[in-house]
C-alpha atoms as a PDB file:
ATOM      1  CA  UNK A   1     -53.036  -3.404  23.216  1.00  0.00           C
ATOM      2  CA  UNK A   2     -49.109  -3.595  22.986  1.00  0.00           C
ATOM      3  CA  UNK A   3     -47.626  -3.672  26.600  1.00  0.00           C
ATOM      4  CA  UNK A   4     -44.918  -1.470  27.266  1.00  0.00           C
ATOM      5  CA  UNK A   5     -41.394  -2.974  27.334  1.00  0.00           C
ATOM      6  CA  UNK A   6     -39.602  -3.036  30.642  1.00  0.00           C
ATOM      7  CA  UNK A   7     -36.563  -1.435  30.926  1.00  0.00           C
ATOM      8  CA  UNK A   8     -33.832  -3.978  30.989  1.00  0.00           C
ATOM      9  CA  UNK A   9     -30.786  -3.229  33.338  1.00  0.00           C
ATOM     10  CA  UNK A  10     -27.435  -2.998  31.649  1.00  0.00           C
ATOM     11  CA  UNK A  11     -25.105  -5.510  32.996  1.00  0.00           C
ATOM     12  CA  UNK A  12     -21.587  -4.628  34.448  1.00  0.00           C
ATOM     13  CA  UNK A  13     -19.706  -6.332  31.733  1.00  0.00           C
ATOM     14  CA  UNK A  14     -22.128  -3.873  28.761  1.00  0.00           C
ATOM     15  CA  UNK A  15     -20.926  -0.792  30.921  1.00  0.00           C
ATOM     16  CA  UNK A  16     -16.933  -2.202  31.037  1.00  0.00           C
ATOM     17  CA  UNK A  17     -17.433  -2.941  27.026  1.00  0.00           C
ATOM     18  CA  UNK A  18     -18.690   0.810  26.203  1.00  0.00           C
ATOM     19  CA  UNK A  19     -15.601   1.925  28.740  1.00  0.00           C
ATOM     20  CA  UNK A  20     -13.243  -0.071  26.893  1.00  0.00           C
ATOM     21  CA  UNK A  21     -13.965   0.499  23.544  1.00  0.00           C
ATOM     22  CA  UNK A  22     -11.055   0.985  20.808  1.00  0.00           C
ATOM     23  CA  UNK A  23     -10.234   4.715  19.819  1.00  0.00           C
ATOM     24  CA  UNK A  24      -8.850   4.089  16.481  1.00  0.00           C
ATOM     25  CA  UNK A  25      -6.196   6.925  15.313  1.00  0.00           C
ATOM     26  CA  UNK A  26      -8.282   9.261  12.590  1.00  0.00           C
ATOM     27  CA  UNK A  27      -6.420   8.377   9.114  1.00  0.00           C
ATOM     28  CA  UNK A  28      -5.186  11.235   7.120  1.00  0.00           C
ATOM     29  CA  UNK A  29      -4.246  12.046   4.083  1.00  0.00           C
ATOM     30  CA  UNK A  30      -1.026  12.963   4.053  1.00  0.00           C
ATOM     31  CA  UNK A  31       2.611  11.825   2.896  1.00  0.00           C
ATOM     32  CA  UNK A  32       2.717   8.834   5.150  1.00  0.00           C
ATOM     33  CA  UNK A  33      -0.317   7.661   3.868  1.00  0.00           C
ATOM     34  CA  UNK A  34       0.448   8.115   0.250  1.00  0.00           C
ATOM     35  CA  UNK A  35       3.690   6.191   0.435  1.00  0.00           C
ATOM     36  CA  UNK A  36       2.533   3.074   2.346  1.00  0.00           C
ATOM     37  CA  UNK A  37      -1.086   3.305  -0.295  1.00  0.00           C
ATOM     38  CA  UNK A  38       1.999   3.241  -2.813  1.00  0.00           C
ATOM     39  CA  UNK A  39       3.313  -0.313  -0.993  1.00  0.00           C
ATOM     40  CA  UNK A  40       0.256  -1.660  -0.935  1.00  0.00           C
ATOM     41  CA  UNK A  41      -0.735  -1.147  -4.216  1.00  0.00           C
ATOM     42  CA  UNK A  42       2.594  -3.001  -5.016  1.00  0.00           C
ATOM     43  CA  UNK A  43       2.406  -5.678  -2.369  1.00  0.00           C
ATOM     44  CA  UNK A  44      -0.154  -5.322  -0.087  1.00  0.00           C
ATOM     45  CA  UNK A  45      -3.687  -6.737   0.518  1.00  0.00           C
ATOM     46  CA  UNK A  46      -6.897  -6.179   2.706  1.00  0.00           C
ATOM     47  CA  UNK A  47      -8.555  -9.684   4.014  1.00  0.00           C
ATOM     48  CA  UNK A  48     -12.830  -8.942   5.733  1.00  0.00           C
ATOM     49  CA  UNK A  49     -12.947 -10.921   8.621  1.00  0.00           C
ATOM     50  CA  UNK A  50     -16.284 -11.087  10.798  1.00  0.00           C
ATOM     51  CA  UNK A  51     -15.306  -8.648  13.346  1.00  0.00           C
ATOM     52  CA  UNK A  52     -12.052  -7.217  11.922  1.00  0.00           C
ATOM     53  CA  UNK A  53     -10.351  -6.142   9.031  1.00  0.00           C
ATOM     54  CA  UNK A  54      -6.293  -7.358   8.145  1.00  0.00           C
ATOM     55  CA  UNK A  55      -3.574  -5.863   6.641  1.00  0.00           C
ATOM     56  CA  UNK A  56      -0.575  -7.751   5.158  1.00  0.00           C
ATOM     57  CA  UNK A  57       2.072  -6.482   3.038  1.00  0.00           C
ATOM     58  CA  UNK A  58       4.728  -8.824   1.760  1.00  0.00           C
ATOM     59  CA  UNK A  59       8.606  -8.459   1.182  1.00  0.00           C
ATOM     60  CA  UNK A  60      11.752 -10.761   0.575  1.00  0.00           C
ATOM     61  CA  UNK A  61      13.147 -11.615   3.606  1.00  0.00           C
ATOM     62  CA  UNK A  62      16.713  -9.662   2.647  1.00  0.00           C
ATOM     63  CA  UNK A  63      14.726  -6.315   3.066  1.00  0.00           C
ATOM     64  CA  UNK A  64      15.415  -5.640   6.149  1.00  0.00           C
ATOM     65  CA  UNK A  65      15.255  -1.999   6.049  1.00  0.00           C
ATOM     66  CA  UNK A  66      12.279  -1.506   4.280  1.00  0.00           C
ATOM     67  CA  UNK A  67      10.421  -3.624   6.414  1.00  0.00           C
ATOM     68  CA  UNK A  68      11.471  -1.358   9.285  1.00  0.00           C
ATOM     69  CA  UNK A  69      10.562   1.511   7.504  1.00  0.00           C
ATOM     70  CA  UNK A  70       7.078   0.146   6.368  1.00  0.00           C
ATOM     71  CA  UNK A  71       6.370  -0.679   9.995  1.00  0.00           C
ATOM     72  CA  UNK A  72       7.118   2.849  11.194  1.00  0.00           C
ATOM     73  CA  UNK A  73       4.631   4.021   7.985  1.00  0.00           C
ATOM     74  CA  UNK A  74       1.717   1.273   9.440  1.00  0.00           C
ATOM     75  CA  UNK A  75       2.537   3.083  13.094  1.00  0.00           C
ATOM     76  CA  UNK A  76       2.318   6.618  12.101  1.00  0.00           C
ATOM     77  CA  UNK A  77      -1.047   6.039   9.793  1.00  0.00           C
ATOM     78  CA  UNK A  78      -3.043   3.631  12.216  1.00  0.00           C
ATOM     79  CA  UNK A  79      -1.296   3.818  15.517  1.00  0.00           C
ATOM     80  CA  UNK A  80      -0.968   0.096  14.981  1.00  0.00           C
ATOM     81  CA  UNK A  81       2.654  -1.839  15.180  1.00  0.00           C
ATOM     82  CA  UNK A  82       2.130  -4.188  12.955  1.00  0.00           C
ATOM     83  CA  UNK A  83       3.601  -7.714  13.928  1.00  0.00           C
ATOM     84  CA  UNK A  84       6.132  -9.645  11.639  1.00  0.00           C
ATOM     85  CA  UNK A  85       5.660 -13.236  10.213  1.00  0.00           C
ATOM     86  CA  UNK A  86       8.335 -15.472   8.648  1.00  0.00           C
ATOM     87  CA  UNK A  87       6.952 -17.679   6.171  1.00  0.00           C
ATOM     88  CA  UNK A  88       8.804 -21.389   6.177  1.00  0.00           C
ATOM     89  CA  UNK A  89       8.477 -22.361   3.015  1.00  0.00           C
ATOM     90  CA  UNK A  90       9.428 -18.874   1.172  1.00  0.00           C
ATOM     91  CA  UNK A  91      12.304 -16.553   1.527  1.00  0.00           C
ATOM     92  CA  UNK A  92       9.539 -13.959   2.135  1.00  0.00           C
ATOM     93  CA  UNK A  93       8.263 -11.759   5.297  1.00  0.00           C
ATOM     94  CA  UNK A  94       4.820 -10.318   5.918  1.00  0.00           C
ATOM     95  CA  UNK A  95       3.842  -7.320   7.529  1.00  0.00           C
ATOM     96  CA  UNK A  96       0.597  -7.754   9.373  1.00  0.00           C
ATOM     97  CA  UNK A  97      -1.809  -5.999  11.758  1.00  0.00           C
ATOM     98  CA  UNK A  98      -5.605  -6.488  12.424  1.00  0.00           C
ATOM     99  CA  UNK A  99      -7.840  -3.517  13.027  1.00  0.00           C
ATOM    100  CA  UNK A 100     -11.735  -2.605  12.081  1.00  0.00           C
ATOM    101  CA  UNK A 101     -13.085  -1.138   8.653  1.00  0.00           C
ATOM    102  CA  UNK A 102      -9.130  -0.821   7.726  1.00  0.00           C
ATOM    103  CA  UNK A 103     -10.534  -0.645   3.832  1.00  0.00           C
ATOM    104  CA  UNK A 104     -13.400   1.501   4.042  1.00  0.00           C
ATOM    105  CA  UNK A 105     -11.206   3.766   6.082  1.00  0.00           C
ATOM    106  CA  UNK A 106      -8.403   4.548   3.597  1.00  0.00           C
ATOM    107  CA  UNK A 107     -10.595   3.156   0.427  1.00  0.00           C
ATOM    108  CA  UNK A 108      -8.706   0.376  -0.657  1.00  0.00           C
ATOM    109  CA  UNK A 109     -10.123  -2.794  -1.693  1.00  0.00           C
ATOM    110  CA  UNK A 110     -10.388  -6.170  -0.160  1.00  0.00           C
ATOM    111  CA  UNK A 111      -8.087  -8.782  -1.332  1.00  0.00           C
ATOM    112  CA  UNK A 112      -8.192 -10.310  -4.413  1.00  0.00           C
ATOM    113  CA  UNK A 113      -7.153  -6.884  -5.286  1.00  0.00           C
ATOM    114  CA  UNK A 114      -6.356  -8.340  -9.069  1.00  0.00           C
ATOM    115  CA  UNK A 115      -9.689  -8.653  -9.831  1.00  0.00           C
ATOM    116  CA  UNK A 116     -10.541  -4.846  -8.739  1.00  0.00           C
ATOM    117  CA  UNK A 117     -10.484  -1.700 -10.788  1.00  0.00           C
ATOM    118  CA  UNK A 118      -7.448  -0.693  -8.860  1.00  0.00           C
ATOM    119  CA  UNK A 119      -6.141   2.788  -9.594  1.00  0.00           C
ATOM    120  CA  UNK A 120      -3.702   5.494  -7.461  1.00  0.00           C
ATOM    121  CA  UNK A 121      -6.579   7.771  -5.871  1.00  0.00           C
ATOM    122  CA  UNK A 122      -7.035  11.500  -7.029  1.00  0.00           C
ATOM    123  CA  UNK A 123      -6.180  12.921  -3.374  1.00  0.00           C
ATOM    124  CA  UNK A 124      -2.754  11.498  -4.573  1.00  0.00           C
ATOM    125  CA  UNK A 125      -2.628  12.368  -8.076  1.00  0.00           C
ATOM    126  CA  UNK A 126      -3.567  16.131  -7.430  1.00  0.00           C
ATOM    127  CA  UNK A 127      -0.739  16.692  -5.350  1.00  0.00           C
ATOM    128  CA  UNK A 128       2.813  15.706  -6.531  1.00  0.00           C
ATOM    129  CA  UNK A 129       4.594  15.103  -3.338  1.00  0.00           C
ATOM    130  CA  UNK A 130       2.010  12.336  -2.562  1.00  0.00           C
ATOM    131  CA  UNK A 131       2.232  11.460  -6.444  1.00  0.00           C
ATOM    132  CA  UNK A 132       6.177  11.151  -5.589  1.00  0.00           C
ATOM    133  CA  UNK A 133       6.140   9.013  -2.383  1.00  0.00           C
ATOM    134  CA  UNK A 134       3.078   7.028  -3.496  1.00  0.00           C
ATOM    135  CA  UNK A 135       5.521   5.826  -6.795  1.00  0.00           C
ATOM    136  CA  UNK A 136       8.147   5.269  -4.783  1.00  0.00           C
ATOM    137  CA  UNK A 137       5.962   2.831  -2.203  1.00  0.00           C
ATOM    138  CA  UNK A 138       5.350   1.390  -6.039  1.00  0.00           C
ATOM    139  CA  UNK A 139       8.489   0.891  -7.554  1.00  0.00           C
ATOM    140  CA  UNK A 140       9.947  -0.255  -4.103  1.00  0.00           C
ATOM    141  CA  UNK A 141       8.101  -3.129  -3.776  1.00  0.00           C
ATOM    142  CA  UNK A 142       6.887  -4.318  -7.459  1.00  0.00           C
ATOM    143  CA  UNK A 143       9.645  -2.729  -9.003  1.00  0.00           C
ATOM    144  CA  UNK A 144      12.983  -3.381 -11.006  1.00  0.00           C
ATOM    145  CA  UNK A 145      15.869  -1.362 -11.394  1.00  0.00           C
ATOM    146  CA  UNK A 146      18.750  -2.148 -13.754  1.00  0.00           C
ATOM    147  CA  UNK A 147      22.048  -0.783 -15.273  1.00  0.00           C
ATOM    148  CA  UNK A 148      23.462  -3.057 -18.104  1.00  0.00           C
ATOM    149  CA  UNK A 149      26.823  -1.335 -18.931  1.00  0.00           C
ATOM    150  CA  UNK A 150      27.842  -3.963 -21.435  1.00  0.00           C
ATOM    151  CA  UNK A 151      24.570  -3.528 -23.326  1.00  0.00           C
ATOM    152  CA  UNK A 152      24.333   0.139 -22.861  1.00  0.00           C
ATOM    153  CA  UNK A 153      20.773  -0.521 -21.778  1.00  0.00           C
ATOM    154  CA  UNK A 154      18.905   0.997 -18.037  1.00  0.00           C
ATOM    155  CA  UNK A 155      15.660   0.402 -17.456  1.00  0.00           C
ATOM    156  CA  UNK A 156      13.093   0.928 -14.504  1.00  0.00           C
ATOM    157  CA  UNK A 157       9.717  -1.185 -14.417  1.00  0.00           C
ATOM    158  CA  UNK A 158       6.627  -1.618 -12.381  1.00  0.00           C
ATOM    159  CA  UNK A 159       5.172  -5.553 -12.752  1.00  0.00           C
ATOM    160  CA  UNK A 160       1.609  -6.089 -11.853  1.00  0.00           C
ATOM    161  CA  UNK A 161      -1.560  -8.172 -12.812  1.00  0.00           C
ATOM    162  CA  UNK A 162      -3.709  -5.599 -12.091  1.00  0.00           C
ATOM    163  CA  UNK A 163      -4.567  -3.972 -15.898  1.00  0.00           C
ATOM    164  CA  UNK A 164      -6.253  -1.202 -14.455  1.00  0.00           C
ATOM    165  CA  UNK A 165      -3.580  -0.204 -12.188  1.00  0.00           C
ATOM    166  CA  UNK A 166      -0.839  -0.676 -14.987  1.00  0.00           C
ATOM    167  CA  UNK A 167      -2.890   1.448 -17.304  1.00  0.00           C
ATOM    168  CA  UNK A 168      -3.466   4.340 -14.813  1.00  0.00           C
ATOM    169  CA  UNK A 169       0.142   4.231 -13.992  1.00  0.00           C
ATOM    170  CA  UNK A 170       1.243   4.686 -17.724  1.00  0.00           C
ATOM    171  CA  UNK A 171      -1.048   7.966 -17.816  1.00  0.00           C
ATOM    172  CA  UNK A 172       0.547   9.437 -14.118  1.00  0.00           C
ATOM    173  CA  UNK A 173       3.999   8.990 -16.260  1.00  0.00           C
ATOM    174  CA  UNK A 174       2.808  10.370 -19.025  1.00  0.00           C
ATOM    175  CA  UNK A 175       1.308  13.682 -17.611  1.00  0.00           C
ATOM    176  CA  UNK A 176       4.662  13.696 -15.596  1.00  0.00           C
ATOM    177  CA  UNK A 177       6.630  14.169 -18.759  1.00  0.00           C
ATOM    178  CA  UNK A 178       7.752  10.925 -19.148  1.00  0.00           C
ATOM    179  CA  UNK A 179       7.614   8.510 -21.688  1.00  0.00           C
ATOM    180  CA  UNK A 180       6.829   5.129 -20.730  1.00  0.00           C
ATOM    181  CA  UNK A 181       6.299   1.526 -22.383  1.00  0.00           C
ATOM    182  CA  UNK A 182       3.144  -0.220 -21.431  1.00  0.00           C
ATOM    183  CA  UNK A 183       4.019  -4.065 -21.650  1.00  0.00           C
ATOM    184  CA  UNK A 184       1.567  -7.015 -20.993  1.00  0.00           C
ATOM    185  CA  UNK A 185       2.174  -7.612 -17.144  1.00  0.00           C
ATOM    186  CA  UNK A 186       4.674  -3.498 -16.639  1.00  0.00           C
ATOM    187  CA  UNK A 187       5.446  -0.422 -17.003  1.00  0.00           C
ATOM    188  CA  UNK A 188       8.819   0.379 -17.957  1.00  0.00           C
ATOM    189  CA  UNK A 189      10.951   3.892 -18.596  1.00  0.00           C
ATOM    190  CA  UNK A 190      14.276   2.562 -20.680  1.00  0.00           C
ATOM    191  CA  UNK A 191      15.651   5.877 -21.659  1.00  0.00           C
ATOM    192  CA  UNK A 192      18.746   6.339 -19.812  1.00  0.00           C
ATOM    193  CA  UNK A 193      18.002  10.158 -19.084  1.00  0.00           C
ATOM    194  CA  UNK A 194      14.417   9.715 -18.049  1.00  0.00           C
ATOM    195  CA  UNK A 195      15.099   6.379 -16.109  1.00  0.00           C
ATOM    196  CA  UNK A 196      18.213   8.294 -13.834  1.00  0.00           C
ATOM    197  CA  UNK A 197      15.602  11.144 -13.518  1.00  0.00           C
ATOM    198  CA  UNK A 198      13.026   9.514 -12.311  1.00  0.00           C
ATOM    199  CA  UNK A 199      14.847   7.347  -9.733  1.00  0.00           C
ATOM    200  CA  UNK A 200      16.837  10.049  -8.308  1.00  0.00           C
ATOM    201  CA  UNK A 201      13.098  12.285  -8.019  1.00  0.00           C
ATOM    202  CA  UNK A 202      11.479   8.991  -5.900  1.00  0.00           C
ATOM    203  CA  UNK A 203      14.719   8.587  -3.987  1.00  0.00           C
ATOM    204  CA  UNK A 204      14.478   4.929  -4.936  1.00  0.00           C
ATOM    205  CA  UNK A 205      16.555   2.708  -2.676  1.00  0.00           C
ATOM    206  CA  UNK A 206      17.739  -1.011  -3.714  1.00  0.00           C
ATOM    207  CA  UNK A 207      17.097  -2.616  -0.199  1.00  0.00           C
END
């Protein structure tokens, strides 16, 4: 005969833990998350720890306004003010914060993301405004815009080493009626009229 298990009284510390559990902000699939997702596709990563996740986005140190803007996006999306870390051995600053289940809550893979079949999610692709701000986030982090009047060239490009992301971006631009060029580690637009139309549409800012 199996003896009955005695009811073990809960400790006051357990009760305190239950009453002080953090309440995480519900993640909404909105315009803020769409832009932040694009920024993360460019220069973001999520690391997994034993009890939490860590989201980090890296910037050139001169991009002060870009850092401030992204910090506000993070605060609005996650309800958390990120910390800024200045790297000592490079001209780079990181925004980062810790929170549970970041990866699963926004469906973004853990680092190293270069090894994952990374794409722009369908909930963004189905909404043209979400697509616009996602592309804005991507091109303002890992993008480059250049006008050379001497050689009459005008190019905007997005560079990345994740091949699935480059392939996906190429298809997205094609569906938007652009004529992108898919190269080894980037996707670019090189027709002046298209380039100017695109950067005006996404409201590209050179920080």
